[in-house]
Amino acid sequence: MSVVQPVGTGADVTKPEYQHFIPQFSLRNFSHKYEGGTKKAENLYNKTKVVNVMNLSEDGPRFIVKAVKRTFGHFDMYCDKFALTPTQKRHVESELGKLESGISSILQKILPACDDDTDIISLSRHEEFVLKKFTFVMKYRSTLFFERYNHTSLRDYTAKDKHKLFPYMYKCSLQRPVDVWLDNLMKILTTPFTSTDDYVNKL
């Protein structure tokens, strides 16, 4: 993969985007039509599905409703000006979209079986791999991992594997710790699967 370049300007600037760390297709399985509440809320949620979420930001936890398209996510999840360019963000989201499309069909196979109390669900090796891959990618792209690598200089990187990171960056021609995060994520997303052993060796 080519070296990640610093953030550009001009045509590379985009509007803020809301990015989900729990995919919308998964949230829709728990969604419902908004009912009750104020007239203002009814108008707000008139044409969108909502989910019940636990609000921990106020005094005492309580359930509230949030639109599926605006919960369990952040605007510009990778918004640090030194991190990813808008083009790189779009590339990541495009590859994530492909993975989510594949996992969606698998979940549509699993969820009805769960509702019917089916003891055994048959998945192909490829479907099993996609499910594992999706789970790992969701964890790796989380705020925890991103903030670990989100540095423009190795001097600012504080994780215990710092002594291993520099030789790896030099070997792969990566300039910043955040480049390692992006490079790893894209390799995980784009490496084709033929067998588990082959996939691990390629990575």
N, C-alpha and C. Protein backbone atom coordinates (compact mmCIF):
# COMPACT_ATOMS: atom_id res chain seq x y z
N MET A 1 0.84 -1.19 0.00
CA MET A 1 0.00 0.00 0.00
C MET A 1 0.88 1.24 0.00
N SER A 2 0.46 2.26 -0.71
CA SER A 2 1.27 3.47 -0.80
C SER A 2 1.26 4.23 0.51
N VAL A 3 2.25 5.08 0.67
CA VAL A 3 2.39 5.86 1.89
C VAL A 3 1.25 6.85 2.01
N VAL A 4 0.69 6.97 3.20
CA VAL A 4 -0.38 7.92 3.46
C VAL A 4 0.19 9.32 3.50
N GLN A 5 -0.36 10.21 2.73
CA GLN A 5 0.15 11.57 2.64
C GLN A 5 -0.60 12.50 3.58
N PRO A 6 -0.02 13.67 3.95
CA PRO A 6 -0.68 14.63 4.82
C PRO A 6 -1.98 15.13 4.20
N VAL A 7 -2.80 15.70 5.04
CA VAL A 7 -4.10 16.18 4.62
C VAL A 7 -3.96 17.26 3.57
N GLY A 8 -4.80 17.16 2.53
CA GLY A 8 -4.76 18.15 1.47
C GLY A 8 -5.75 19.27 1.73
N THR A 9 -5.94 20.10 0.73
CA THR A 9 -6.85 21.23 0.84
C THR A 9 -7.69 21.32 -0.41
N GLY A 10 -8.51 22.35 -0.51
CA GLY A 10 -9.26 22.60 -1.72
C GLY A 10 -10.31 21.54 -1.96
N ALA A 11 -10.19 20.84 -3.11
CA ALA A 11 -11.21 19.88 -3.51
C ALA A 11 -11.28 18.68 -2.58
N ASP A 12 -10.25 18.51 -1.74
CA ASP A 12 -10.21 17.37 -0.85
C ASP A 12 -11.01 17.59 0.43
N VAL A 13 -11.57 18.80 0.59
CA VAL A 13 -12.33 19.14 1.79
C VAL A 13 -13.78 18.72 1.61
N THR A 14 -14.34 18.01 2.57
CA THR A 14 -15.72 17.55 2.49
C THR A 14 -16.49 17.97 3.73
N LYS A 15 -17.81 17.87 3.63
CA LYS A 15 -18.66 18.19 4.76
C LYS A 15 -18.54 17.09 5.81
N PRO A 16 -18.82 17.40 7.08
CA PRO A 16 -18.77 16.38 8.13
C PRO A 16 -19.72 15.24 7.82
N GLU A 17 -19.30 14.02 8.11
CA GLU A 17 -20.11 12.84 7.87
C GLU A 17 -20.34 12.10 9.18
N TYR A 18 -21.56 11.59 9.35
CA TYR A 18 -21.87 10.79 10.54
C TYR A 18 -21.51 9.34 10.26
N GLN A 19 -20.59 8.80 11.06
CA GLN A 19 -20.10 7.44 10.84
C GLN A 19 -20.47 6.57 12.03
N HIS A 20 -21.08 5.43 11.75
CA HIS A 20 -21.55 4.52 12.80
C HIS A 20 -20.47 3.53 13.21
N PHE A 21 -20.31 3.34 14.52
CA PHE A 21 -19.46 2.25 14.96
C PHE A 21 -20.29 0.99 15.20
N ILE A 22 -21.63 1.12 15.24
CA ILE A 22 -22.53 -0.02 15.11
C ILE A 22 -23.31 0.21 13.83
N PRO A 23 -23.16 -0.64 12.83
CA PRO A 23 -23.77 -0.41 11.51
C PRO A 23 -25.28 -0.26 11.59
N GLN A 24 -25.80 0.56 10.68
CA GLN A 24 -27.24 0.81 10.66
C GLN A 24 -28.03 -0.47 10.39
N PHE A 25 -27.52 -1.35 9.53
CA PHE A 25 -28.28 -2.56 9.21
C PHE A 25 -28.49 -3.41 10.46
N SER A 26 -27.55 -3.33 11.41
CA SER A 26 -27.71 -4.07 12.67
C SER A 26 -28.70 -3.36 13.59
N LEU A 27 -28.62 -2.05 13.65
CA LEU A 27 -29.53 -1.28 14.51
C LEU A 27 -30.98 -1.42 14.05
N ARG A 28 -31.18 -1.56 12.73
CA ARG A 28 -32.55 -1.66 12.22
C ARG A 28 -33.28 -2.89 12.74
N ASN A 29 -32.53 -3.90 13.16
CA ASN A 29 -33.17 -5.09 13.72
C ASN A 29 -33.84 -4.80 15.06
N PHE A 30 -33.48 -3.68 15.68
CA PHE A 30 -34.05 -3.31 16.98
C PHE A 30 -34.87 -2.01 16.89
N SER A 31 -35.14 -1.58 15.67
CA SER A 31 -35.80 -0.30 15.48
C SER A 31 -37.33 -0.44 15.46
N HIS A 32 -38.00 0.69 15.61
CA HIS A 32 -39.46 0.71 15.55
C HIS A 32 -39.90 2.11 15.16
N LYS A 33 -41.15 2.25 14.85
CA LYS A 33 -41.71 3.54 14.50
C LYS A 33 -41.93 4.36 15.77
N TYR A 34 -41.60 5.64 15.71
CA TYR A 34 -41.76 6.49 16.89
C TYR A 34 -43.24 6.67 17.21
N GLU A 35 -43.57 6.53 18.50
CA GLU A 35 -44.93 6.71 18.97
C GLU A 35 -44.94 7.52 20.26
N GLY A 36 -45.94 8.37 20.39
CA GLY A 36 -46.09 9.14 21.62
C GLY A 36 -45.14 10.32 21.67
N GLY A 37 -45.02 10.94 22.85
CA GLY A 37 -44.14 12.08 23.00
C GLY A 37 -44.77 13.37 22.50
N THR A 38 -43.94 14.36 22.28
CA THR A 38 -44.43 15.67 21.87
C THR A 38 -44.66 15.73 20.36
N LYS A 39 -45.41 16.73 19.94
CA LYS A 39 -45.68 16.93 18.51
C LYS A 39 -44.37 17.21 17.77
N LYS A 40 -43.48 17.95 18.41
CA LYS A 40 -42.19 18.27 17.81
C LYS A 40 -41.39 17.00 17.55
N ALA A 41 -41.40 16.09 18.53
CA ALA A 41 -40.68 14.83 18.37
C ALA A 41 -41.31 13.97 17.29
N GLU A 42 -42.65 13.98 17.23
CA GLU A 42 -43.34 13.20 16.19
C GLU A 42 -42.96 13.70 14.81
N ASN A 43 -42.85 15.01 14.64
CA ASN A 43 -42.46 15.57 13.36
C ASN A 43 -41.00 15.22 13.04
N LEU A 44 -40.17 15.22 14.09
CA LEU A 44 -38.74 14.94 13.91
C LEU A 44 -38.52 13.52 13.44
N TYR A 45 -39.27 12.57 14.02
CA TYR A 45 -39.07 11.15 13.70
C TYR A 45 -40.15 10.60 12.78
N ASN A 46 -40.84 11.49 12.07
CA ASN A 46 -41.99 11.08 11.26
C ASN A 46 -41.65 10.02 10.22
N LYS A 47 -40.51 10.18 9.55
CA LYS A 47 -40.17 9.29 8.44
C LYS A 47 -38.90 8.49 8.69
N THR A 48 -38.57 8.28 9.94
CA THR A 48 -37.35 7.54 10.24
C THR A 48 -37.59 6.55 11.37
N LYS A 49 -36.87 5.45 11.34
CA LYS A 49 -36.94 4.46 12.40
C LYS A 49 -36.13 4.92 13.61
N VAL A 50 -36.55 4.51 14.80
CA VAL A 50 -35.86 4.89 16.03
C VAL A 50 -35.53 3.63 16.83
N VAL A 51 -34.58 3.78 17.75
CA VAL A 51 -34.24 2.70 18.67
C VAL A 51 -34.22 3.26 20.09
N ASN A 52 -34.46 2.40 21.06
CA ASN A 52 -34.37 2.79 22.46
C ASN A 52 -32.93 2.67 22.91
N VAL A 53 -32.38 3.72 23.49
CA VAL A 53 -31.00 3.69 23.97
C VAL A 53 -30.95 4.20 25.40
N MET A 54 -29.94 3.75 26.13
CA MET A 54 -29.77 4.18 27.50
C MET A 54 -28.96 5.46 27.54
N ASN A 55 -29.54 6.51 28.10
CA ASN A 55 -28.86 7.81 28.21
C ASN A 55 -28.16 7.89 29.56
N LEU A 56 -26.82 7.94 29.53
CA LEU A 56 -26.04 8.01 30.77
C LEU A 56 -25.42 9.38 30.98
N SER A 57 -25.79 10.36 30.16
CA SER A 57 -25.15 11.66 30.22
C SER A 57 -25.84 12.61 31.19
N GLU A 58 -27.00 12.24 31.69
CA GLU A 58 -27.73 13.11 32.61
C GLU A 58 -27.82 12.44 33.98
N ASP A 59 -28.49 13.10 34.92
CA ASP A 59 -28.62 12.57 36.28
C ASP A 59 -29.49 11.31 36.27
N GLY A 60 -28.85 10.20 36.53
CA GLY A 60 -29.59 8.94 36.56
C GLY A 60 -29.82 8.40 35.16
N PRO A 61 -29.52 7.14 34.92
CA PRO A 61 -29.74 6.54 33.60
C PRO A 61 -31.22 6.45 33.25
N ARG A 62 -31.54 6.66 32.01
CA ARG A 62 -32.92 6.53 31.55
C ARG A 62 -32.93 6.20 30.06
N PHE A 63 -34.00 5.56 29.63
CA PHE A 63 -34.14 5.21 28.22
C PHE A 63 -34.69 6.40 27.44
N ILE A 64 -34.11 6.63 26.28
CA ILE A 64 -34.59 7.64 25.36
C ILE A 64 -34.66 7.03 23.97
N VAL A 65 -35.30 7.70 23.03
CA VAL A 65 -35.34 7.22 21.65
C VAL A 65 -34.41 8.07 20.80
N LYS A 66 -33.72 7.43 19.89
CA LYS A 66 -32.82 8.13 18.96
C LYS A 66 -33.05 7.57 17.57
N ALA A 67 -32.90 8.40 16.58
CA ALA A 67 -33.02 7.94 15.20
C ALA A 67 -31.88 6.98 14.88
N VAL A 68 -32.19 5.93 14.15
CA VAL A 68 -31.18 4.94 13.79
C VAL A 68 -29.99 5.61 13.10
N LYS A 69 -30.27 6.57 12.25
CA LYS A 69 -29.20 7.20 11.47
C LYS A 69 -28.35 8.17 12.29
N ARG A 70 -28.74 8.41 13.55
CA ARG A 70 -27.98 9.36 14.37
C ARG A 70 -27.72 8.82 15.78
N THR A 71 -27.42 7.55 15.87
CA THR A 71 -27.04 6.99 17.16
C THR A 71 -25.95 5.95 16.98
N PHE A 72 -25.19 5.73 18.05
CA PHE A 72 -24.05 4.81 18.04
C PHE A 72 -23.07 5.16 16.92
N GLY A 73 -22.67 6.42 16.92
CA GLY A 73 -21.70 6.89 15.95
C GLY A 73 -21.22 8.28 16.29
N HIS A 74 -20.37 8.84 15.44
CA HIS A 74 -19.85 10.19 15.64
C HIS A 74 -19.76 10.89 14.29
N PHE A 75 -19.84 12.22 14.31
CA PHE A 75 -19.52 12.98 13.12
C PHE A 75 -18.01 12.95 12.92
N ASP A 76 -17.61 12.61 11.69
CA ASP A 76 -16.19 12.53 11.35
C ASP A 76 -15.41 11.80 12.44
N MET A 77 -15.62 10.52 12.51
CA MET A 77 -14.99 9.69 13.54
C MET A 77 -13.47 9.86 13.55
N TYR A 78 -12.91 10.14 12.39
CA TYR A 78 -11.46 10.32 12.29
C TYR A 78 -11.19 11.76 11.88
N CYS A 79 -11.53 12.70 12.78
CA CYS A 79 -11.57 14.11 12.38
C CYS A 79 -10.29 14.87 12.67
N ASP A 80 -9.30 14.25 13.29
CA ASP A 80 -8.06 14.96 13.58
C ASP A 80 -7.44 15.50 12.29
N LYS A 81 -7.08 16.76 12.28
CA LYS A 81 -6.60 17.38 11.04
C LYS A 81 -5.30 16.76 10.54
N PHE A 82 -4.57 16.07 11.38
CA PHE A 82 -3.32 15.45 10.95
C PHE A 82 -3.52 13.99 10.54
N ALA A 83 -4.71 13.48 10.67
CA ALA A 83 -4.92 12.05 10.45
C ALA A 83 -5.23 11.73 9.00
N LEU A 84 -6.47 11.43 8.70
CA LEU A 84 -6.82 10.96 7.37
C LEU A 84 -7.39 12.08 6.51
N THR A 85 -7.02 12.07 5.25
CA THR A 85 -7.61 13.03 4.31
C THR A 85 -9.03 12.60 4.00
N PRO A 86 -9.86 13.52 3.52
CA PRO A 86 -11.22 13.13 3.12
C PRO A 86 -11.23 11.97 2.12
N THR A 87 -10.27 11.96 1.20
CA THR A 87 -10.19 10.87 0.22
C THR A 87 -9.91 9.54 0.91
N GLN A 88 -9.01 9.55 1.89
CA GLN A 88 -8.70 8.33 2.63
C GLN A 88 -9.90 7.88 3.46
N LYS A 89 -10.63 8.83 4.04
CA LYS A 89 -11.82 8.49 4.81
C LYS A 89 -12.85 7.81 3.92
N ARG A 90 -13.04 8.36 2.72
CA ARG A 90 -14.02 7.79 1.79
C ARG A 90 -13.60 6.38 1.38
N HIS A 91 -12.29 6.17 1.22
CA HIS A 91 -11.79 4.85 0.83
C HIS A 91 -12.09 3.84 1.93
N VAL A 92 -11.82 4.23 3.18
CA VAL A 92 -12.11 3.34 4.31
C VAL A 92 -13.59 3.02 4.37
N GLU A 93 -14.42 4.06 4.27
CA GLU A 93 -15.87 3.84 4.37
C GLU A 93 -16.39 3.01 3.21
N SER A 94 -15.80 3.16 2.02
CA SER A 94 -16.21 2.36 0.87
C SER A 94 -15.94 0.88 1.11
N GLU A 95 -14.75 0.57 1.62
CA GLU A 95 -14.40 -0.83 1.89
C GLU A 95 -15.24 -1.38 3.03
N LEU A 96 -15.53 -0.55 4.04
CA LEU A 96 -16.40 -0.99 5.13
C LEU A 96 -17.80 -1.28 4.62
N GLY A 97 -18.25 -0.47 3.66
CA GLY A 97 -19.57 -0.68 3.08
C GLY A 97 -19.67 -2.03 2.38
N LYS A 98 -18.60 -2.43 1.69
CA LYS A 98 -18.58 -3.73 1.02
C LYS A 98 -18.67 -4.86 2.05
N LEU A 99 -17.91 -4.70 3.15
CA LEU A 99 -17.93 -5.72 4.19
C LEU A 99 -19.30 -5.80 4.85
N GLU A 100 -19.90 -4.64 5.12
CA GLU A 100 -21.21 -4.60 5.76
C GLU A 100 -22.28 -5.21 4.86
N SER A 101 -22.14 -5.02 3.56
CA SER A 101 -23.09 -5.62 2.62
C SER A 101 -23.04 -7.15 2.71
N GLY A 102 -21.83 -7.69 2.82
CA GLY A 102 -21.68 -9.13 2.94
C GLY A 102 -22.20 -9.67 4.25
N ILE A 103 -21.92 -8.95 5.34
CA ILE A 103 -22.34 -9.43 6.65
C ILE A 103 -23.84 -9.29 6.83
N SER A 104 -24.46 -8.33 6.16
CA SER A 104 -25.89 -8.12 6.27
C SER A 104 -26.66 -9.35 5.80
N SER A 105 -26.24 -9.93 4.67
CA SER A 105 -26.94 -11.12 4.16
C SER A 105 -26.75 -12.31 5.09
N ILE A 106 -25.60 -12.37 5.75
CA ILE A 106 -25.34 -13.47 6.69
C ILE A 106 -26.23 -13.33 7.93
N LEU A 107 -26.34 -12.10 8.43
CA LEU A 107 -27.19 -11.87 9.61
C LEU A 107 -28.65 -12.14 9.29
N GLN A 108 -29.07 -11.84 8.06
CA GLN A 108 -30.45 -12.13 7.68
C GLN A 108 -30.72 -13.63 7.69
N LYS A 109 -29.66 -14.39 7.60
CA LYS A 109 -29.78 -15.86 7.68
C LYS A 109 -29.79 -16.31 9.14
N ILE A 110 -29.05 -15.60 10.00
CA ILE A 110 -28.90 -16.00 11.39
C ILE A 110 -30.08 -15.56 12.26
N LEU A 111 -30.50 -14.30 12.09
CA LEU A 111 -31.50 -13.73 12.99
C LEU A 111 -32.84 -14.47 12.98
N PRO A 112 -33.41 -14.81 11.82
CA PRO A 112 -34.68 -15.57 11.84
C PRO A 112 -34.53 -16.91 12.54
N ALA A 113 -33.37 -17.54 12.40
CA ALA A 113 -33.13 -18.82 13.07
C ALA A 113 -33.13 -18.63 14.58
N CYS A 114 -32.56 -17.51 15.04
CA CYS A 114 -32.56 -17.22 16.48
C CYS A 114 -33.99 -16.99 16.98
N ASP A 115 -34.80 -16.29 16.18
CA ASP A 115 -36.19 -16.04 16.57
C ASP A 115 -36.99 -17.33 16.66
N ASP A 116 -36.62 -18.30 15.85
CA ASP A 116 -37.33 -19.59 15.84
C ASP A 116 -36.74 -20.60 16.81
N ASP A 117 -35.77 -20.13 17.63
CA ASP A 117 -35.10 -21.00 18.61
C ASP A 117 -34.41 -22.20 17.94
N THR A 118 -33.86 -21.95 16.75
CA THR A 118 -33.14 -23.01 16.05
C THR A 118 -31.80 -23.25 16.74
N ASP A 119 -31.53 -24.51 17.06
CA ASP A 119 -30.30 -24.84 17.78
C ASP A 119 -29.05 -24.79 16.89
N ILE A 120 -29.21 -25.11 15.62
CA ILE A 120 -28.06 -25.20 14.72
C ILE A 120 -28.27 -24.27 13.53
N ILE A 121 -27.26 -23.46 13.23
CA ILE A 121 -27.27 -22.59 12.06
C ILE A 121 -26.07 -22.97 11.21
N SER A 122 -26.32 -23.29 9.98
CA SER A 122 -25.25 -23.75 9.09
C SER A 122 -24.67 -22.58 8.31
N LEU A 123 -23.36 -22.37 8.45
CA LEU A 123 -22.65 -21.33 7.71
C LEU A 123 -21.51 -21.96 6.94
N SER A 124 -21.26 -21.44 5.75
CA SER A 124 -20.12 -21.92 4.99
C SER A 124 -18.84 -21.38 5.63
N ARG A 125 -17.70 -21.92 5.24
CA ARG A 125 -16.43 -21.44 5.77
C ARG A 125 -16.23 -19.97 5.44
N HIS A 126 -16.64 -19.60 4.23
CA HIS A 126 -16.49 -18.19 3.83
C HIS A 126 -17.38 -17.29 4.67
N GLU A 127 -18.63 -17.70 4.93
CA GLU A 127 -19.53 -16.90 5.75
C GLU A 127 -19.00 -16.77 7.17
N GLU A 128 -18.46 -17.85 7.70
CA GLU A 128 -17.86 -17.82 9.04
C GLU A 128 -16.69 -16.85 9.07
N PHE A 129 -15.87 -16.88 8.03
CA PHE A 129 -14.73 -15.97 7.95
C PHE A 129 -15.19 -14.51 7.89
N VAL A 130 -16.18 -14.22 7.07
CA VAL A 130 -16.68 -12.85 6.94
C VAL A 130 -17.22 -12.35 8.28
N LEU A 131 -17.91 -13.22 9.02
CA LEU A 131 -18.45 -12.85 10.33
C LEU A 131 -17.32 -12.52 11.31
N LYS A 132 -16.27 -13.34 11.34
CA LYS A 132 -15.13 -13.08 12.21
C LYS A 132 -14.40 -11.81 11.79
N LYS A 133 -14.23 -11.65 10.49
CA LYS A 133 -13.55 -10.47 9.96
C LYS A 133 -14.29 -9.19 10.32
N PHE A 134 -15.61 -9.22 10.19
CA PHE A 134 -16.43 -8.06 10.51
C PHE A 134 -16.29 -7.68 11.99
N THR A 135 -16.35 -8.69 12.86
CA THR A 135 -16.22 -8.44 14.30
C THR A 135 -14.88 -7.81 14.62
N PHE A 136 -13.81 -8.31 14.02
CA PHE A 136 -12.48 -7.78 14.29
C PHE A 136 -12.34 -6.36 13.74
N VAL A 137 -12.85 -6.13 12.54
CA VAL A 137 -12.74 -4.80 11.94
C VAL A 137 -13.48 -3.76 12.78
N MET A 138 -14.67 -4.12 13.28
CA MET A 138 -15.43 -3.20 14.10
C MET A 138 -14.65 -2.81 15.36
N LYS A 139 -13.92 -3.76 15.91
CA LYS A 139 -13.10 -3.48 17.09
C LYS A 139 -11.89 -2.63 16.72
N TYR A 140 -11.23 -2.96 15.60
CA TYR A 140 -10.00 -2.27 15.22
C TYR A 140 -10.25 -0.82 14.81
N ARG A 141 -11.42 -0.53 14.25
CA ARG A 141 -11.71 0.84 13.82
C ARG A 141 -12.34 1.67 14.94
N SER A 142 -12.44 1.11 16.13
CA SER A 142 -13.04 1.82 17.25
C SER A 142 -12.15 2.98 17.69
N THR A 143 -12.73 3.86 18.50
CA THR A 143 -12.00 5.01 19.00
C THR A 143 -10.77 4.59 19.79
N LEU A 144 -10.86 3.49 20.53
CA LEU A 144 -9.75 3.02 21.35
C LEU A 144 -8.50 2.77 20.51
N PHE A 145 -8.64 2.02 19.43
CA PHE A 145 -7.50 1.71 18.58
C PHE A 145 -7.05 2.92 17.79
N PHE A 146 -8.01 3.71 17.29
CA PHE A 146 -7.63 4.87 16.49
C PHE A 146 -6.83 5.87 17.31
N GLU A 147 -7.26 6.14 18.55
CA GLU A 147 -6.55 7.10 19.39
C GLU A 147 -5.16 6.58 19.78
N ARG A 148 -5.00 5.27 19.84
CA ARG A 148 -3.70 4.70 20.13
C ARG A 148 -2.69 5.06 19.05
N TYR A 149 -3.12 5.03 17.79
CA TYR A 149 -2.21 5.28 16.67
C TYR A 149 -2.29 6.71 16.13
N ASN A 150 -3.21 7.50 16.62
CA ASN A 150 -3.45 8.81 16.01
C ASN A 150 -2.39 9.83 16.43
N HIS A 151 -1.18 9.66 15.90
CA HIS A 151 -0.06 10.55 16.17
C HIS A 151 0.72 10.81 14.88
N THR A 152 1.26 12.01 14.78
CA THR A 152 2.04 12.35 13.59
C THR A 152 3.51 12.06 13.79
N SER A 153 3.90 11.77 15.02
CA SER A 153 5.30 11.49 15.32
C SER A 153 5.40 10.26 16.22
N LEU A 154 6.42 9.46 15.99
CA LEU A 154 6.63 8.28 16.82
C LEU A 154 6.94 8.68 18.26
N ARG A 155 7.45 9.89 18.47
CA ARG A 155 7.75 10.36 19.83
C ARG A 155 6.49 10.42 20.69
N ASP A 156 5.33 10.63 20.06
CA ASP A 156 4.08 10.76 20.80
C ASP A 156 3.38 9.42 21.02
N TYR A 157 3.90 8.37 20.41
CA TYR A 157 3.30 7.04 20.54
C TYR A 157 3.76 6.43 21.86
N THR A 158 2.81 6.00 22.72
CA THR A 158 3.15 5.58 24.07
C THR A 158 2.83 4.13 24.38
N ALA A 159 2.29 3.38 23.41
CA ALA A 159 1.95 1.97 23.67
C ALA A 159 3.21 1.14 23.91
N LYS A 160 3.04 -0.02 24.53
CA LYS A 160 4.17 -0.85 24.93
C LYS A 160 4.95 -1.42 23.75
N ASP A 161 4.34 -1.47 22.58
CA ASP A 161 5.03 -2.03 21.41
C ASP A 161 5.78 -0.97 20.60
N LYS A 162 6.08 0.16 21.23
CA LYS A 162 6.75 1.26 20.53
C LYS A 162 8.08 0.82 19.94
N HIS A 163 8.82 -0.03 20.64
CA HIS A 163 10.13 -0.46 20.16
C HIS A 163 10.02 -1.32 18.89
N LYS A 164 8.84 -1.91 18.66
CA LYS A 164 8.63 -2.71 17.46
C LYS A 164 8.03 -1.88 16.32
N LEU A 165 7.42 -0.75 16.69
CA LEU A 165 6.70 0.03 15.69
C LEU A 165 7.65 0.71 14.71
N PHE A 166 8.75 1.27 15.20
CA PHE A 166 9.66 2.00 14.31
C PHE A 166 10.23 1.10 13.21
N PRO A 167 10.78 -0.09 13.54
CA PRO A 167 11.29 -0.97 12.47
C PRO A 167 10.20 -1.34 11.46
N TYR A 168 8.96 -1.51 11.95
CA TYR A 168 7.86 -1.86 11.05
C TYR A 168 7.55 -0.68 10.12
N MET A 169 7.52 0.54 10.67
CA MET A 169 7.25 1.71 9.85
C MET A 169 8.32 1.90 8.79
N TYR A 170 9.56 1.68 9.17
CA TYR A 170 10.68 1.82 8.22
C TYR A 170 10.57 0.77 7.12
N LYS A 171 10.25 -0.45 7.50
CA LYS A 171 10.15 -1.55 6.54
C LYS A 171 9.02 -1.30 5.53
N CYS A 172 7.92 -0.74 6.00
CA CYS A 172 6.74 -0.53 5.15
C CYS A 172 6.66 0.87 4.56
N SER A 173 7.69 1.69 4.79
CA SER A 173 7.73 3.07 4.29
C SER A 173 6.54 3.89 4.77
N LEU A 174 6.20 3.73 6.04
CA LEU A 174 5.12 4.48 6.65
C LEU A 174 5.71 5.61 7.49
N GLN A 175 5.12 6.78 7.40
CA GLN A 175 5.72 7.97 8.00
C GLN A 175 5.23 8.28 9.41
N ARG A 176 3.99 7.89 9.72
CA ARG A 176 3.39 8.26 11.00
C ARG A 176 2.71 7.06 11.63
N PRO A 177 2.56 7.03 12.94
CA PRO A 177 1.82 5.93 13.57
C PRO A 177 0.41 5.77 13.01
N VAL A 178 -0.27 6.89 12.70
CA VAL A 178 -1.62 6.79 12.17
C VAL A 178 -1.62 6.12 10.80
N ASP A 179 -0.50 6.21 10.07
CA ASP A 179 -0.40 5.52 8.79
C ASP A 179 -0.42 4.00 8.99
N VAL A 180 0.14 3.55 10.11
CA VAL A 180 0.15 2.12 10.42
C VAL A 180 -1.28 1.64 10.63
N TRP A 181 -2.06 2.43 11.37
CA TRP A 181 -3.46 2.07 11.62
C TRP A 181 -4.22 1.95 10.30
N LEU A 182 -4.08 2.94 9.44
CA LEU A 182 -4.80 2.93 8.17
C LEU A 182 -4.32 1.79 7.28
N ASP A 183 -3.02 1.58 7.21
CA ASP A 183 -2.45 0.52 6.38
C ASP A 183 -2.95 -0.85 6.84
N ASN A 184 -2.94 -1.07 8.15
CA ASN A 184 -3.42 -2.35 8.69
C ASN A 184 -4.90 -2.56 8.39
N LEU A 185 -5.69 -1.51 8.60
CA LEU A 185 -7.13 -1.62 8.38
C LEU A 185 -7.44 -1.94 6.93
N MET A 186 -6.76 -1.25 6.01
CA MET A 186 -7.03 -1.48 4.60
C MET A 186 -6.57 -2.86 4.15
N LYS A 187 -5.48 -3.34 4.70
CA LYS A 187 -5.03 -4.69 4.35
C LYS A 187 -6.02 -5.73 4.85
N ILE A 188 -6.54 -5.54 6.05
CA ILE A 188 -7.53 -6.48 6.59
C ILE A 188 -8.79 -6.48 5.73
N LEU A 189 -9.19 -5.28 5.28
CA LEU A 189 -10.42 -5.15 4.51
C LEU A 189 -10.29 -5.68 3.09
N THR A 190 -9.12 -5.50 2.47
CA THR A 190 -8.99 -5.77 1.04
C THR A 190 -8.30 -7.08 0.70
N THR A 191 -7.66 -7.73 1.66
CA THR A 191 -6.99 -8.99 1.36
C THR A 191 -8.02 -10.08 1.09
N PRO A 192 -7.99 -10.71 -0.09
CA PRO A 192 -8.98 -11.75 -0.41
C PRO A 192 -8.77 -12.99 0.44
N PHE A 193 -9.88 -13.69 0.69
CA PHE A 193 -9.83 -14.89 1.52
C PHE A 193 -9.90 -16.14 0.65
N THR A 194 -8.93 -17.02 0.79
CA THR A 194 -8.97 -18.34 0.15
C THR A 194 -9.00 -19.43 1.22
N SER A 195 -8.18 -19.23 2.25
CA SER A 195 -8.19 -20.12 3.41
C SER A 195 -7.68 -19.31 4.59
N THR A 196 -7.96 -19.77 5.80
CA THR A 196 -7.54 -19.04 6.99
C THR A 196 -6.03 -18.89 7.05
N ASP A 197 -5.31 -19.99 6.81
CA ASP A 197 -3.85 -19.94 6.88
C ASP A 197 -3.28 -19.00 5.82
N ASP A 198 -3.82 -19.06 4.61
CA ASP A 198 -3.34 -18.20 3.53
C ASP A 198 -3.61 -16.74 3.85
N TYR A 199 -4.78 -16.44 4.42
CA TYR A 199 -5.15 -15.07 4.75
C TYR A 199 -4.21 -14.50 5.81
N VAL A 200 -3.94 -15.28 6.86
CA VAL A 200 -3.05 -14.84 7.93
C VAL A 200 -1.64 -14.60 7.39
N ASN A 201 -1.16 -15.48 6.54
CA ASN A 201 0.19 -15.33 5.97
C ASN A 201 0.28 -14.08 5.11
N LYS A 202 -0.76 -13.76 4.36
CA LYS A 202 -0.76 -12.57 3.52
C LYS A 202 -0.73 -11.31 4.37
N LEU A 203 -1.44 -11.33 5.47
CA LEU A 203 -1.45 -10.17 6.36
C LEU A 203 -0.09 -9.99 7.02
